[in-house]
N, C-alpha and C. Protein backbone atom coordinates (compact mmCIF):
# COMPACT_ATOMS: atom_id res chain seq x y z
N MET A 1 58.48 85.78 -107.08
CA MET A 1 59.42 84.97 -106.34
C MET A 1 59.17 85.08 -104.83
N ASN A 2 58.92 86.29 -104.33
CA ASN A 2 58.69 86.46 -102.90
C ASN A 2 57.45 85.71 -102.45
N GLY A 3 56.43 85.69 -103.28
CA GLY A 3 55.22 84.95 -102.93
C GLY A 3 55.52 83.47 -102.78
N PHE A 4 56.37 82.95 -103.64
CA PHE A 4 56.73 81.55 -103.55
C PHE A 4 57.48 81.27 -102.25
N LEU A 5 58.43 82.14 -101.92
CA LEU A 5 59.20 81.94 -100.69
C LEU A 5 58.30 82.00 -99.46
N ARG A 6 57.39 82.97 -99.44
CA ARG A 6 56.49 83.07 -98.30
C ARG A 6 55.60 81.84 -98.20
N ALA A 7 55.09 81.39 -99.32
CA ALA A 7 54.23 80.20 -99.31
C ALA A 7 55.03 78.99 -98.83
N ARG A 8 56.24 78.87 -99.30
CA ARG A 8 57.08 77.75 -98.89
C ARG A 8 57.35 77.81 -97.39
N ASN A 9 57.68 78.99 -96.90
CA ASN A 9 57.94 79.13 -95.47
C ASN A 9 56.69 78.84 -94.65
N TRP A 10 55.53 79.23 -95.17
CA TRP A 10 54.30 78.94 -94.45
C TRP A 10 54.09 77.45 -94.34
N VAL A 11 54.34 76.72 -95.44
CA VAL A 11 54.17 75.26 -95.42
C VAL A 11 55.16 74.65 -94.44
N ARG A 12 56.40 75.09 -94.45
CA ARG A 12 57.39 74.58 -93.51
C ARG A 12 56.96 74.88 -92.08
N SER A 13 56.51 76.09 -91.84
CA SER A 13 56.08 76.47 -90.50
C SER A 13 54.91 75.61 -90.04
N TRP A 14 53.93 75.41 -90.92
CA TRP A 14 52.79 74.58 -90.59
C TRP A 14 53.23 73.15 -90.32
N LEU A 15 54.12 72.64 -91.16
CA LEU A 15 54.60 71.28 -91.00
C LEU A 15 55.37 71.12 -89.68
N MET A 16 56.20 72.09 -89.35
CA MET A 16 56.95 72.02 -88.08
C MET A 16 55.99 72.08 -86.88
N ASP A 17 54.93 72.87 -86.98
CA ASP A 17 53.93 72.90 -85.92
C ASP A 17 53.29 71.53 -85.74
N GLU A 18 53.00 70.86 -86.85
CA GLU A 18 52.42 69.52 -86.77
C GLU A 18 53.40 68.52 -86.15
N VAL A 19 54.67 68.63 -86.51
CA VAL A 19 55.69 67.76 -85.92
C VAL A 19 55.77 68.00 -84.41
N ASP A 20 55.76 69.26 -84.01
CA ASP A 20 55.80 69.59 -82.58
C ASP A 20 54.60 69.00 -81.85
N ARG A 21 53.40 69.11 -82.44
CA ARG A 21 52.20 68.55 -81.81
C ARG A 21 52.32 67.03 -81.67
N ALA A 22 52.80 66.37 -82.72
CA ALA A 22 52.95 64.91 -82.68
C ALA A 22 53.98 64.48 -81.64
N GLU A 23 55.11 65.20 -81.56
CA GLU A 23 56.13 64.87 -80.57
C GLU A 23 55.61 65.11 -79.15
N ALA A 24 54.86 66.18 -78.97
CA ALA A 24 54.30 66.46 -77.65
C ALA A 24 53.33 65.36 -77.25
N ALA A 25 52.51 64.92 -78.20
CA ALA A 25 51.54 63.86 -77.91
C ALA A 25 52.23 62.55 -77.57
N ALA A 26 53.39 62.32 -78.18
CA ALA A 26 54.14 61.09 -77.93
C ALA A 26 55.06 61.22 -76.71
N GLY A 27 55.10 62.40 -76.10
CA GLY A 27 55.95 62.60 -74.94
C GLY A 27 57.41 62.81 -75.28
N ARG A 28 57.70 63.11 -76.53
CA ARG A 28 59.09 63.32 -76.94
C ARG A 28 59.38 64.77 -77.27
N HIS A 29 58.56 65.66 -76.85
CA HIS A 29 58.73 67.06 -77.20
C HIS A 29 59.89 67.66 -76.42
N LYS A 30 60.67 68.47 -77.09
CA LYS A 30 61.77 69.16 -76.43
C LYS A 30 61.20 70.24 -75.52
N ASN A 31 61.85 70.43 -74.41
CA ASN A 31 61.38 71.40 -73.43
C ASN A 31 62.09 72.73 -73.53
N GLY A 32 62.63 73.04 -74.68
CA GLY A 32 63.22 74.35 -74.88
C GLY A 32 64.68 74.31 -75.23
N PRO A 33 65.32 75.46 -75.09
CA PRO A 33 66.71 75.60 -75.51
C PRO A 33 67.67 74.66 -74.78
N GLN A 34 67.41 74.38 -73.52
CA GLN A 34 68.34 73.51 -72.79
C GLN A 34 68.34 72.10 -73.36
N ASP A 35 67.17 71.60 -73.76
CA ASP A 35 67.11 70.28 -74.38
C ASP A 35 67.86 70.27 -75.71
N GLU A 36 67.73 71.35 -76.46
CA GLU A 36 68.43 71.44 -77.73
C GLU A 36 69.95 71.47 -77.52
N LEU A 37 70.39 72.22 -76.53
CA LEU A 37 71.81 72.27 -76.20
C LEU A 37 72.30 70.91 -75.73
N ASP A 38 71.53 70.25 -74.88
CA ASP A 38 71.91 68.92 -74.40
C ASP A 38 72.04 67.93 -75.55
N GLU A 39 71.12 68.01 -76.51
CA GLU A 39 71.19 67.13 -77.67
C GLU A 39 72.44 67.42 -78.49
N CYS A 40 72.74 68.70 -78.69
CA CYS A 40 73.94 69.08 -79.45
C CYS A 40 75.20 68.62 -78.73
N LEU A 41 75.24 68.80 -77.41
CA LEU A 41 76.41 68.35 -76.65
C LEU A 41 76.60 66.85 -76.76
N GLY A 42 75.52 66.10 -76.70
CA GLY A 42 75.60 64.65 -76.83
C GLY A 42 76.07 64.20 -78.19
N LEU A 43 75.53 64.82 -79.23
CA LEU A 43 75.94 64.47 -80.59
C LEU A 43 77.40 64.81 -80.83
N GLN A 44 77.83 65.98 -80.34
CA GLN A 44 79.21 66.39 -80.55
C GLN A 44 80.17 65.52 -79.74
N ALA A 45 79.77 65.11 -78.54
CA ALA A 45 80.62 64.23 -77.74
C ALA A 45 80.82 62.89 -78.44
N ALA A 46 79.76 62.36 -79.03
CA ALA A 46 79.87 61.09 -79.75
C ALA A 46 80.79 61.24 -80.96
N LEU A 47 80.68 62.34 -81.67
CA LEU A 47 81.55 62.58 -82.81
C LEU A 47 82.99 62.74 -82.34
N GLY A 48 83.19 63.50 -81.27
CA GLY A 48 84.54 63.73 -80.75
C GLY A 48 85.25 62.45 -80.37
N GLU A 49 84.51 61.47 -79.84
CA GLU A 49 85.11 60.19 -79.47
C GLU A 49 85.53 59.39 -80.70
N ALA A 50 84.86 59.60 -81.82
CA ALA A 50 85.15 58.83 -83.03
C ALA A 50 86.33 59.40 -83.82
N LEU A 51 86.74 60.62 -83.52
CA LEU A 51 87.81 61.25 -84.27
C LEU A 51 89.17 60.72 -83.83
N THR A 52 90.04 60.50 -84.82
CA THR A 52 91.43 60.11 -84.53
C THR A 52 92.33 61.15 -85.19
N TRP A 53 93.29 61.62 -84.47
CA TRP A 53 94.10 62.74 -84.95
C TRP A 53 95.45 62.30 -85.49
N THR A 54 95.64 61.00 -85.70
CA THR A 54 96.93 60.50 -86.18
C THR A 54 97.22 60.94 -87.61
N GLY A 55 96.21 61.12 -88.43
CA GLY A 55 96.41 61.54 -89.81
C GLY A 55 96.46 63.04 -90.00
N VAL A 56 96.39 63.77 -88.92
CA VAL A 56 96.39 65.23 -88.97
C VAL A 56 97.84 65.70 -88.82
N PRO A 57 98.26 66.68 -89.62
CA PRO A 57 99.63 67.19 -89.47
C PRO A 57 99.91 67.64 -88.03
N GLU A 58 101.11 67.39 -87.59
CA GLU A 58 101.52 67.67 -86.20
C GLU A 58 101.22 69.11 -85.75
N PRO A 59 101.49 70.13 -86.58
CA PRO A 59 101.23 71.51 -86.13
C PRO A 59 99.75 71.80 -85.84
N LEU A 60 98.86 70.96 -86.38
CA LEU A 60 97.42 71.21 -86.20
C LEU A 60 96.83 70.42 -85.04
N ARG A 61 97.59 69.55 -84.44
CA ARG A 61 97.03 68.71 -83.38
C ARG A 61 96.54 69.49 -82.16
N PRO A 62 97.09 70.66 -81.85
CA PRO A 62 96.49 71.43 -80.74
C PRO A 62 95.02 71.81 -80.98
N LEU A 63 94.61 71.81 -82.25
CA LEU A 63 93.21 72.11 -82.57
C LEU A 63 92.29 70.93 -82.29
N GLY A 64 92.86 69.73 -82.16
CA GLY A 64 92.08 68.51 -82.01
C GLY A 64 91.02 68.55 -80.93
N PRO A 65 91.40 68.83 -79.68
CA PRO A 65 90.37 68.85 -78.62
C PRO A 65 89.29 69.91 -78.85
N TRP A 66 89.70 71.03 -79.41
CA TRP A 66 88.73 72.10 -79.68
C TRP A 66 87.80 71.71 -80.82
N ALA A 67 88.36 71.11 -81.86
CA ALA A 67 87.54 70.68 -83.00
C ALA A 67 86.59 69.57 -82.59
N ALA A 68 87.05 68.67 -81.72
CA ALA A 68 86.19 67.59 -81.25
C ALA A 68 85.03 68.15 -80.43
N ARG A 69 85.28 69.22 -79.72
CA ARG A 69 84.25 69.80 -78.84
C ARG A 69 83.33 70.77 -79.58
N LEU A 70 83.89 71.53 -80.54
CA LEU A 70 83.13 72.64 -81.13
C LEU A 70 82.96 72.54 -82.64
N GLY A 71 83.60 71.58 -83.30
CA GLY A 71 83.58 71.49 -84.76
C GLY A 71 82.33 70.83 -85.29
N ALA A 72 81.19 71.33 -84.90
CA ALA A 72 79.90 70.76 -85.31
C ALA A 72 79.53 71.22 -86.71
N GLY A 73 79.13 70.28 -87.54
CA GLY A 73 78.69 70.61 -88.89
C GLY A 73 77.29 71.19 -88.93
N ASP A 74 76.54 71.01 -87.88
CA ASP A 74 75.16 71.50 -87.80
C ASP A 74 75.17 72.99 -87.52
N ASP A 75 74.53 73.77 -88.39
CA ASP A 75 74.53 75.23 -88.25
C ASP A 75 73.72 75.72 -87.05
N VAL A 76 72.89 74.86 -86.48
CA VAL A 76 72.15 75.23 -85.27
C VAL A 76 73.00 74.90 -84.05
N CYS A 77 73.62 73.74 -84.05
CA CYS A 77 74.41 73.31 -82.89
C CYS A 77 75.68 74.13 -82.70
N ARG A 78 76.34 74.47 -83.79
CA ARG A 78 77.64 75.16 -83.67
C ARG A 78 77.56 76.42 -82.81
N PRO A 79 76.62 77.34 -83.07
CA PRO A 79 76.55 78.53 -82.21
C PRO A 79 76.19 78.20 -80.76
N LEU A 80 75.37 77.18 -80.56
CA LEU A 80 75.02 76.79 -79.20
C LEU A 80 76.25 76.28 -78.45
N LEU A 81 77.07 75.50 -79.14
CA LEU A 81 78.28 74.97 -78.52
C LEU A 81 79.27 76.09 -78.22
N PHE A 82 79.42 77.02 -79.13
CA PHE A 82 80.33 78.14 -78.90
C PHE A 82 79.84 79.04 -77.77
N ALA A 83 78.53 79.11 -77.59
CA ALA A 83 77.97 79.94 -76.51
C ALA A 83 78.30 79.39 -75.13
N THR A 84 78.70 78.11 -75.05
CA THR A 84 79.03 77.53 -73.75
C THR A 84 80.44 77.89 -73.29
N LEU A 85 81.22 78.53 -74.14
CA LEU A 85 82.60 78.86 -73.79
C LEU A 85 82.66 80.03 -72.81
N SER A 86 83.56 79.92 -71.86
CA SER A 86 83.83 81.05 -70.96
C SER A 86 84.75 82.03 -71.68
N GLU A 87 84.91 83.21 -71.13
CA GLU A 87 85.80 84.21 -71.74
C GLU A 87 87.23 83.69 -71.80
N ALA A 88 87.67 82.99 -70.76
CA ALA A 88 89.03 82.43 -70.74
C ALA A 88 89.20 81.39 -71.85
N GLU A 89 88.18 80.55 -72.03
CA GLU A 89 88.23 79.54 -73.09
C GLU A 89 88.23 80.19 -74.46
N ARG A 90 87.44 81.24 -74.62
CA ARG A 90 87.42 81.95 -75.90
C ARG A 90 88.80 82.52 -76.23
N SER A 91 89.42 83.12 -75.24
CA SER A 91 90.75 83.70 -75.45
C SER A 91 91.76 82.62 -75.80
N GLU A 92 91.74 81.52 -75.07
CA GLU A 92 92.66 80.42 -75.34
C GLU A 92 92.43 79.86 -76.75
N LEU A 93 91.17 79.66 -77.11
CA LEU A 93 90.85 79.14 -78.43
C LEU A 93 91.32 80.09 -79.52
N GLN A 94 91.07 81.37 -79.36
CA GLN A 94 91.49 82.34 -80.38
C GLN A 94 93.01 82.36 -80.52
N GLU A 95 93.71 82.21 -79.42
CA GLU A 95 95.17 82.18 -79.47
C GLU A 95 95.67 80.95 -80.24
N ILE A 96 95.11 79.79 -79.92
CA ILE A 96 95.52 78.56 -80.58
C ILE A 96 95.17 78.60 -82.07
N VAL A 97 93.98 79.05 -82.38
CA VAL A 97 93.57 79.13 -83.78
C VAL A 97 94.44 80.14 -84.52
N GLY A 98 94.78 81.24 -83.87
CA GLY A 98 95.66 82.23 -84.49
C GLY A 98 97.00 81.64 -84.88
N GLU A 99 97.51 80.75 -84.05
CA GLU A 99 98.79 80.10 -84.32
C GLU A 99 98.67 79.06 -85.43
N CYS A 100 97.53 78.42 -85.55
CA CYS A 100 97.36 77.28 -86.47
C CYS A 100 96.56 77.60 -87.72
N ALA A 101 95.96 78.77 -87.81
CA ALA A 101 95.01 79.05 -88.89
C ALA A 101 95.62 78.90 -90.28
N SER A 102 96.78 79.45 -90.49
CA SER A 102 97.41 79.39 -91.81
C SER A 102 97.67 77.94 -92.21
N ALA A 103 98.25 77.16 -91.30
CA ALA A 103 98.53 75.75 -91.59
C ALA A 103 97.24 74.96 -91.78
N ALA A 104 96.21 75.31 -91.03
CA ALA A 104 94.92 74.61 -91.16
C ALA A 104 94.32 74.86 -92.53
N HIS A 105 94.35 76.10 -92.99
CA HIS A 105 93.79 76.41 -94.31
C HIS A 105 94.58 75.72 -95.41
N GLN A 106 95.91 75.68 -95.28
CA GLN A 106 96.73 74.98 -96.27
C GLN A 106 96.37 73.49 -96.29
N TRP A 107 96.22 72.90 -95.11
CA TRP A 107 95.88 71.48 -95.03
C TRP A 107 94.52 71.21 -95.66
N LEU A 108 93.54 72.05 -95.35
CA LEU A 108 92.20 71.86 -95.91
C LEU A 108 92.20 72.04 -97.43
N ASP A 109 93.02 72.97 -97.92
CA ASP A 109 93.11 73.18 -99.37
C ASP A 109 93.68 71.97 -100.09
N GLU A 110 94.50 71.18 -99.40
CA GLU A 110 95.10 69.99 -100.01
C GLU A 110 94.05 68.96 -100.42
N PHE A 111 92.89 69.00 -99.80
CA PHE A 111 91.85 68.03 -100.13
C PHE A 111 91.25 68.29 -101.51
N GLY A 112 91.30 69.54 -101.94
CA GLY A 112 90.76 69.88 -103.27
C GLY A 112 89.33 69.42 -103.40
N SER A 113 89.07 68.62 -104.43
CA SER A 113 87.70 68.13 -104.66
C SER A 113 87.43 66.80 -103.96
N GLN A 114 88.41 66.27 -103.25
CA GLN A 114 88.21 65.03 -102.49
C GLN A 114 87.34 65.31 -101.26
N ALA A 115 86.72 64.27 -100.78
CA ALA A 115 85.92 64.41 -99.55
C ALA A 115 86.85 64.64 -98.37
N LEU A 116 86.43 65.50 -97.47
CA LEU A 116 87.21 65.75 -96.25
C LEU A 116 87.11 64.55 -95.32
N THR A 117 88.16 64.32 -94.57
CA THR A 117 88.06 63.33 -93.49
C THR A 117 87.21 63.94 -92.39
N ASP A 118 86.76 63.12 -91.46
CA ASP A 118 85.95 63.65 -90.35
C ASP A 118 86.75 64.66 -89.53
N GLU A 119 88.04 64.41 -89.37
CA GLU A 119 88.90 65.33 -88.61
C GLU A 119 89.05 66.66 -89.35
N ALA A 120 89.23 66.59 -90.67
CA ALA A 120 89.34 67.82 -91.46
C ALA A 120 88.03 68.61 -91.42
N ALA A 121 86.91 67.91 -91.51
CA ALA A 121 85.62 68.58 -91.44
C ALA A 121 85.44 69.25 -90.08
N ALA A 122 85.85 68.58 -89.01
CA ALA A 122 85.73 69.17 -87.67
C ALA A 122 86.58 70.43 -87.56
N VAL A 123 87.77 70.41 -88.13
CA VAL A 123 88.64 71.59 -88.11
C VAL A 123 88.00 72.71 -88.93
N MET A 124 87.47 72.37 -90.10
CA MET A 124 86.83 73.37 -90.95
C MET A 124 85.65 74.03 -90.21
N TYR A 125 84.82 73.21 -89.57
CA TYR A 125 83.67 73.76 -88.85
C TYR A 125 84.10 74.55 -87.62
N LEU A 126 85.20 74.15 -87.00
CA LEU A 126 85.74 74.94 -85.89
C LEU A 126 86.13 76.33 -86.39
N LEU A 127 86.82 76.39 -87.52
CA LEU A 127 87.22 77.67 -88.09
C LEU A 127 86.01 78.51 -88.48
N LEU A 128 84.96 77.87 -89.00
CA LEU A 128 83.73 78.61 -89.32
C LEU A 128 83.11 79.18 -88.04
N GLY A 129 83.12 78.39 -86.99
CA GLY A 129 82.58 78.87 -85.72
C GLY A 129 83.35 80.04 -85.16
N ILE A 130 84.67 80.02 -85.34
CA ILE A 130 85.50 81.15 -84.89
C ILE A 130 85.13 82.40 -85.67
N GLU A 131 84.94 82.26 -86.97
CA GLU A 131 84.54 83.42 -87.78
C GLU A 131 83.21 83.97 -87.32
N ASP A 132 82.27 83.09 -87.03
CA ASP A 132 80.95 83.52 -86.55
C ASP A 132 81.04 84.16 -85.18
N MET A 133 81.95 83.66 -84.36
CA MET A 133 82.11 84.16 -83.00
C MET A 133 82.62 85.61 -83.02
N GLU A 134 83.46 85.90 -83.99
CA GLU A 134 84.03 87.25 -84.08
C GLU A 134 83.01 88.17 -84.68
């Protein structure tokens, strides 16, 4: 099994190297972590503008701005977005989430096997980011 995983990772690594070479040749290569962060910020800003919080229970609405800013479903972007927080913002976020966490989990549980709304998904990913942050 380990041989298979290593072989698979080698193929992925080789393939990603080829993608990087092709992007560099086309002039679309990322210039490092700042470009990746900028891309994540742009994608999250676009998502945040599309979210409407009218269907969200009133006690959870204080999470709205935070979920719009940090509730990224992408496992690479989420930590990058959380890393942009100042200590004061982290404290404020933890306080708000502490007040809303129980209600948020109850609300998310109500979806059961149904698909989450975009707002619910953003809240869920915000809570995952908080767990990772701690």
